[in-house]
């Protein structure tokens, strides 16, 4: 049985978090937390919190063996955008898109890994 957690509308671009999700996908949860703890990116803190939440969900639902859990799915999807305007010369304005993302992490046993 897979246990998951989601951080919806995180104030960070999906492009910045996807490499970190690729880094932890398929790894044991304790190893994944250790990898994220020493990454300097801000997205690593967000991904770490979501992974801890998925582990807490597994503990709450009485997972048989918490030590044997692995990250079965780490998915970063684009969300909405904040649209802002930056004033430019001669009365013009350029648009700024502040992108949001949905961070989803699922943990499960080794036999639940895709592929």
Protein backbone atom coordinates (compact mmCIF):
# COMPACT_ATOMS: atom_id res chain seq x y z
CA UNK A 1 0.00 0.00 0.00
CA UNK A 2 1.36 3.40 -0.97
CA UNK A 3 1.17 6.41 1.33
CA UNK A 4 1.37 9.88 -0.13
CA UNK A 5 1.46 13.56 0.77
CA UNK A 6 0.93 16.65 -1.38
CA UNK A 7 1.96 20.29 -1.08
CA UNK A 8 -0.34 22.17 -3.39
CA UNK A 9 0.50 25.61 -4.81
CA UNK A 10 4.03 25.74 -3.43
CA UNK A 11 5.60 29.14 -4.16
CA UNK A 12 8.43 27.80 -6.27
CA UNK A 13 8.78 26.98 -9.94
CA UNK A 14 8.43 23.30 -10.85
CA UNK A 15 11.67 23.54 -12.85
CA UNK A 16 13.64 24.21 -9.68
CA UNK A 17 12.31 21.22 -7.75
CA UNK A 18 12.21 18.52 -10.46
CA UNK A 19 15.96 17.68 -10.31
CA UNK A 20 15.62 17.10 -6.56
CA UNK A 21 12.63 14.81 -7.09
CA UNK A 22 14.65 12.81 -9.61
CA UNK A 23 17.43 12.56 -7.03
CA UNK A 24 15.25 10.82 -4.41
CA UNK A 25 12.93 8.74 -6.62
CA UNK A 26 13.41 5.00 -5.94
CA UNK A 27 15.64 5.53 -2.89
CA UNK A 28 14.91 4.28 0.65
CA UNK A 29 13.22 6.98 2.71
CA UNK A 30 16.02 7.41 5.25
CA UNK A 31 18.58 7.79 2.43
CA UNK A 32 16.28 10.25 0.60
CA UNK A 33 15.89 12.41 3.72
CA UNK A 34 19.66 12.39 4.21
CA UNK A 35 20.22 13.47 0.58
CA UNK A 36 17.71 16.32 0.84
CA UNK A 37 19.06 17.54 4.18
CA UNK A 38 22.41 18.50 2.65
CA UNK A 39 21.13 20.07 -0.57
CA UNK A 40 21.43 23.87 -0.54
CA UNK A 41 18.30 24.59 -2.64
CA UNK A 42 15.13 26.02 -1.14
CA UNK A 43 13.09 23.38 -2.96
CA UNK A 44 14.91 20.67 -1.01
CA UNK A 45 13.36 22.00 2.23
CA UNK A 46 9.88 21.83 0.70
CA UNK A 47 10.41 18.34 -0.71
CA UNK A 48 11.84 17.19 2.63
CA UNK A 49 8.73 18.39 4.47
CA UNK A 50 6.42 16.60 2.04
CA UNK A 51 8.46 13.39 2.37
CA UNK A 52 8.27 13.61 6.18
CA UNK A 53 4.52 14.11 5.90
CA UNK A 54 4.19 10.99 3.71
CA UNK A 55 6.19 9.02 6.31
CA UNK A 56 3.92 10.35 9.07
CA UNK A 57 0.89 9.24 7.03
CA UNK A 58 2.43 5.76 6.75
CA UNK A 59 3.00 5.65 10.51
CA UNK A 60 -0.51 6.90 11.20
CA UNK A 61 -2.06 4.22 8.99
CA UNK A 62 0.00 1.53 10.72
CA UNK A 63 2.44 0.57 7.98
CA UNK A 64 3.95 -2.82 8.85
CA UNK A 65 7.61 -1.88 8.36
CA UNK A 66 8.55 1.80 8.26
CA UNK A 67 12.25 1.07 7.74
CA UNK A 68 11.57 -0.79 4.48
CA UNK A 69 9.70 2.07 2.77
CA UNK A 70 11.09 3.60 -0.42
CA UNK A 71 10.09 6.70 -2.41
CA UNK A 72 7.90 5.12 -5.09
CA UNK A 73 6.81 8.38 -6.73
CA UNK A 74 8.06 11.96 -6.50
CA UNK A 75 6.17 14.16 -8.92
CA UNK A 76 6.38 17.93 -9.41
CA UNK A 77 3.57 19.42 -11.49
CA UNK A 78 3.01 22.99 -12.55
CA UNK A 79 0.23 24.91 -10.83
CA UNK A 80 -1.22 28.38 -11.34
CA UNK A 81 0.70 31.61 -11.73
CA UNK A 82 0.74 35.02 -10.15
CA UNK A 83 0.81 37.64 -12.87
CA UNK A 84 2.70 40.84 -12.10
CA UNK A 85 3.67 43.84 -14.21
CA UNK A 86 7.12 45.45 -14.37
CA UNK A 87 7.16 49.07 -15.58
CA UNK A 88 9.45 49.70 -18.56
CA UNK A 89 10.60 52.70 -20.54
CA UNK A 90 8.22 54.95 -22.52
CA UNK A 91 5.13 53.89 -20.59
CA UNK A 92 5.32 50.23 -21.51
CA UNK A 93 5.00 47.28 -19.15
CA UNK A 94 6.39 43.75 -19.27
CA UNK A 95 4.66 40.83 -17.62
CA UNK A 96 6.21 38.73 -14.87
CA UNK A 97 4.88 35.21 -14.22
CA UNK A 98 5.51 33.97 -10.68
CA UNK A 99 5.03 30.25 -11.10
CA UNK A 100 3.64 27.82 -8.52
CA UNK A 101 3.93 24.03 -8.33
CA UNK A 102 2.28 20.98 -6.78
CA UNK A 103 4.75 18.70 -4.97
CA UNK A 104 3.56 15.08 -4.56
CA UNK A 105 5.53 12.30 -2.85
CA UNK A 106 4.43 8.68 -2.42
CA UNK A 107 6.20 6.07 -0.30
CA UNK A 108 5.65 2.33 -0.41
CA UNK A 109 7.40 -1.01 -0.48
CA UNK A 110 10.04 -2.04 -3.03
CA UNK A 111 7.62 -4.22 -5.02
CA UNK A 112 5.39 -1.15 -5.65
CA UNK A 113 8.13 0.58 -7.66
CA UNK A 114 7.12 1.15 -11.28
CA UNK A 115 9.15 -0.65 -13.93
